[in-house]
Amino acid sequence: MARCDEGYICAVCRLPVDTLPESLLYLRYLLGEVGIEVLHQHADCHIRCCPEVGQYILHRDFEPMVCAGPFAKSQFDEKFREDEEKRVTAAWTTLHEAAAKGFSLLSFIAK
């Protein structure tokens, strides 16, 4: 099956990434880390499958994540951690707002 027919499969757990709020790829798009012109060329994964990013989401509706090792936020200075928490949490909140308005993974970039 073609990639466009099968949708996004998590590169980590191999399960489908079905919704915006769980998509690391679309979170990275909102963070400006992946351009819209190359979005389709990147693999996706669940945010929960990537603790390196998920650890920075601080929201009552997101169960906190801990990342161990060299990318643990505890390895970075307080200013960097706070900035990343604000930046990543804001993008994650935007994903939830888009999903609440009925946007799907495909319609999200078409808007």
C-alpha atoms as a PDB file:
ATOM      1  CA  MET A   1       0.000   0.000   0.000  1.00  0.00           C
ATOM      2  CA  ALA A   2       1.246   3.473  -0.808  1.00  0.00           C
ATOM      3  CA  ARG A   3       2.195   5.699   2.110  1.00  0.00           C
ATOM      4  CA  CYS A   4      -0.569   8.161   1.223  1.00  0.00           C
ATOM      5  CA  ASP A   5      -3.087   5.301   1.360  1.00  0.00           C
ATOM      6  CA  GLU A   6      -1.944   3.882   4.675  1.00  0.00           C
ATOM      7  CA  GLY A   7      -1.644   7.171   6.540  1.00  0.00           C
ATOM      8  CA  TYR A   8       1.049   7.867   9.068  1.00  0.00           C
ATOM      9  CA  ILE A   9       2.531   4.952  10.966  1.00  0.00           C
ATOM     10  CA  CYS A  10       4.562   5.644  14.102  1.00  0.00           C
ATOM     11  CA  ALA A  11       8.246   5.111  13.356  1.00  0.00           C
ATOM     12  CA  VAL A  12       8.736   3.905  16.941  1.00  0.00           C
ATOM     13  CA  CYS A  13       5.803   1.664  17.880  1.00  0.00           C
ATOM     14  CA  ARG A  14       4.527   0.982  14.328  1.00  0.00           C
ATOM     15  CA  LEU A  15       0.906   1.798  15.266  1.00  0.00           C
ATOM     16  CA  PRO A  16      -1.113   4.403  13.322  1.00  0.00           C
ATOM     17  CA  VAL A  17      -0.826   8.067  14.270  1.00  0.00           C
ATOM     18  CA  ASP A  18      -4.510   8.814  13.922  1.00  0.00           C
ATOM     19  CA  THR A  19      -5.030  12.297  15.307  1.00  0.00           C
ATOM     20  CA  LEU A  20      -3.375  15.705  15.394  1.00  0.00           C
ATOM     21  CA  PRO A  21      -2.888  15.819  19.170  1.00  0.00           C
ATOM     22  CA  GLU A  22      -0.722  12.701  19.086  1.00  0.00           C
ATOM     23  CA  SER A  23       1.396  13.617  16.029  1.00  0.00           C
ATOM     24  CA  LEU A  24       5.019  14.568  16.611  1.00  0.00           C
ATOM     25  CA  LEU A  25       5.388  15.477  12.937  1.00  0.00           C
ATOM     26  CA  TYR A  26       2.641  18.081  13.060  1.00  0.00           C
ATOM     27  CA  LEU A  27       3.919  19.348  16.403  1.00  0.00           C
ATOM     28  CA  ARG A  28       7.328  19.825  14.785  1.00  0.00           C
ATOM     29  CA  TYR A  29       5.620  21.610  11.868  1.00  0.00           C
ATOM     30  CA  LEU A  30       4.035  24.073  14.296  1.00  0.00           C
ATOM     31  CA  LEU A  31       7.390  24.524  16.019  1.00  0.00           C
ATOM     32  CA  GLY A  32       8.927  25.498  12.674  1.00  0.00           C
ATOM     33  CA  GLU A  33      11.197  22.468  12.623  1.00  0.00           C
ATOM     34  CA  VAL A  34       9.639  20.861   9.519  1.00  0.00           C
ATOM     35  CA  GLY A  35       8.559  22.903   6.524  1.00  0.00           C
ATOM     36  CA  ILE A  36       5.213  22.323   4.862  1.00  0.00           C
ATOM     37  CA  GLU A  37       6.933  21.592   1.551  1.00  0.00           C
ATOM     38  CA  VAL A  38       8.739  18.567   3.026  1.00  0.00           C
ATOM     39  CA  LEU A  39       6.147  17.465   5.582  1.00  0.00           C
ATOM     40  CA  HIS A  40       5.113  14.503   3.428  1.00  0.00           C
ATOM     41  CA  GLN A  41       8.726  13.277   3.251  1.00  0.00           C
ATOM     42  CA  HIS A  42       9.116  12.805   7.002  1.00  0.00           C
ATOM     43  CA  ALA A  43       8.124   9.880   9.158  1.00  0.00           C
ATOM     44  CA  ASP A  44       5.720  10.534  12.002  1.00  0.00           C
ATOM     45  CA  CYS A  45       5.490   9.145  15.489  1.00  0.00           C
ATOM     46  CA  HIS A  46       3.336   9.591  18.536  1.00  0.00           C
ATOM     47  CA  ILE A  47       4.424  12.379  20.829  1.00  0.00           C
ATOM     48  CA  ARG A  48       4.343   9.842  23.664  1.00  0.00           C
ATOM     49  CA  CYS A  49       6.858   7.720  21.725  1.00  0.00           C
ATOM     50  CA  CYS A  50       9.353  10.613  21.788  1.00  0.00           C
ATOM     51  CA  PRO A  51      10.155  11.569  25.376  1.00  0.00           C
ATOM     52  CA  GLU A  52      12.875  13.943  24.150  1.00  0.00           C
ATOM     53  CA  VAL A  53      10.077  16.271  23.005  1.00  0.00           C
ATOM     54  CA  GLY A  54       7.138  15.123  25.138  1.00  0.00           C
ATOM     55  CA  GLN A  55       8.945  15.967  28.370  1.00  0.00           C
ATOM     56  CA  TYR A  56       8.488  19.654  27.562  1.00  0.00           C
ATOM     57  CA  ILE A  57       4.682  19.516  27.404  1.00  0.00           C
ATOM     58  CA  LEU A  58       3.302  20.873  30.663  1.00  0.00           C
ATOM     59  CA  HIS A  59      -0.480  20.780  30.475  1.00  0.00           C
ATOM     60  CA  ARG A  60      -3.159  19.358  32.743  1.00  0.00           C
ATOM     61  CA  ASP A  61      -4.422  17.171  29.859  1.00  0.00           C
ATOM     62  CA  PHE A  62      -1.007  15.654  29.101  1.00  0.00           C
ATOM     63  CA  GLU A  63       0.438  13.041  31.416  1.00  0.00           C
ATOM     64  CA  PRO A  64       3.976  14.166  32.220  1.00  0.00           C
ATOM     65  CA  MET A  65       6.835  12.346  30.532  1.00  0.00           C
ATOM     66  CA  VAL A  66      10.369  11.806  31.729  1.00  0.00           C
ATOM     67  CA  CYS A  67      13.309  11.515  29.397  1.00  0.00           C
ATOM     68  CA  ALA A  68      16.477   9.852  30.629  1.00  0.00           C
ATOM     69  CA  GLY A  69      19.949  10.305  29.270  1.00  0.00           C
ATOM     70  CA  PRO A  70      21.706  13.156  27.504  1.00  0.00           C
ATOM     71  CA  PHE A  71      18.477  14.721  26.198  1.00  0.00           C
ATOM     72  CA  ALA A  72      16.753  14.833  29.580  1.00  0.00           C
ATOM     73  CA  LYS A  73      15.619  18.369  30.280  1.00  0.00           C
ATOM     74  CA  SER A  74      17.374  18.164  33.617  1.00  0.00           C
ATOM     75  CA  GLN A  75      20.644  18.277  31.645  1.00  0.00           C
ATOM     76  CA  PHE A  76      19.881  21.791  30.383  1.00  0.00           C
ATOM     77  CA  ASP A  77      19.859  25.136  32.143  1.00  0.00           C
ATOM     78  CA  GLU A  78      16.671  26.480  33.680  1.00  0.00           C
ATOM     79  CA  LYS A  79      16.120  29.235  31.084  1.00  0.00           C
ATOM     80  CA  PHE A  80      16.331  26.768  28.186  1.00  0.00           C
ATOM     81  CA  ARG A  81      13.958  24.342  29.955  1.00  0.00           C
ATOM     82  CA  GLU A  82      11.403  27.074  30.652  1.00  0.00           C
ATOM     83  CA  ASP A  83      11.568  28.392  27.082  1.00  0.00           C
ATOM     84  CA  GLU A  84      11.142  24.888  25.636  1.00  0.00           C
ATOM     85  CA  GLU A  85       8.256  24.125  27.986  1.00  0.00           C
ATOM     86  CA  LYS A  86       6.432  27.274  26.874  1.00  0.00           C
ATOM     87  CA  ARG A  87       7.183  26.739  23.183  1.00  0.00           C
ATOM     88  CA  VAL A  88       6.330  23.030  22.991  1.00  0.00           C
ATOM     89  CA  THR A  89       3.280  23.300  25.259  1.00  0.00           C
ATOM     90  CA  ALA A  90       1.891  26.152  23.128  1.00  0.00           C
ATOM     91  CA  ALA A  91       2.305  24.107  19.935  1.00  0.00           C
ATOM     92  CA  TRP A  92       0.708  21.061  21.568  1.00  0.00           C
ATOM     93  CA  THR A  93      -2.214  23.216  22.696  1.00  0.00           C
ATOM     94  CA  THR A  94      -2.630  24.464  19.125  1.00  0.00           C
ATOM     95  CA  LEU A  95      -2.822  20.851  17.896  1.00  0.00           C
ATOM     96  CA  HIS A  96      -5.616  20.195  20.391  1.00  0.00           C
ATOM     97  CA  GLU A  97      -7.471  23.347  19.387  1.00  0.00           C
ATOM     98  CA  ALA A  98      -7.227  22.386  15.711  1.00  0.00           C
ATOM     99  CA  ALA A  99      -8.532  18.888  16.450  1.00  0.00           C
ATOM    100  CA  ALA A 100     -11.412  20.336  18.485  1.00  0.00           C
ATOM    101  CA  LYS A 101     -12.365  22.443  15.461  1.00  0.00           C
ATOM    102  CA  GLY A 102     -12.550  19.289  13.359  1.00  0.00           C
ATOM    103  CA  PHE A 103      -9.263  19.496  11.508  1.00  0.00           C
ATOM    104  CA  SER A 104      -7.762  16.156  10.537  1.00  0.00           C
ATOM    105  CA  LEU A 105      -4.126  15.386   9.862  1.00  0.00           C
ATOM    106  CA  LEU A 106      -4.691  16.059   6.150  1.00  0.00           C
ATOM    107  CA  SER A 107      -6.900  19.131   6.431  1.00  0.00           C
ATOM    108  CA  PHE A 108      -4.598  20.732   8.968  1.00  0.00           C
ATOM    109  CA  ILE A 109      -1.967  21.747   6.404  1.00  0.00           C
ATOM    110  CA  ALA A 110      -4.550  22.663   3.788  1.00  0.00           C
ATOM    111  CA  LYS A 111      -5.865  25.538   5.907  1.00  0.00           C
END
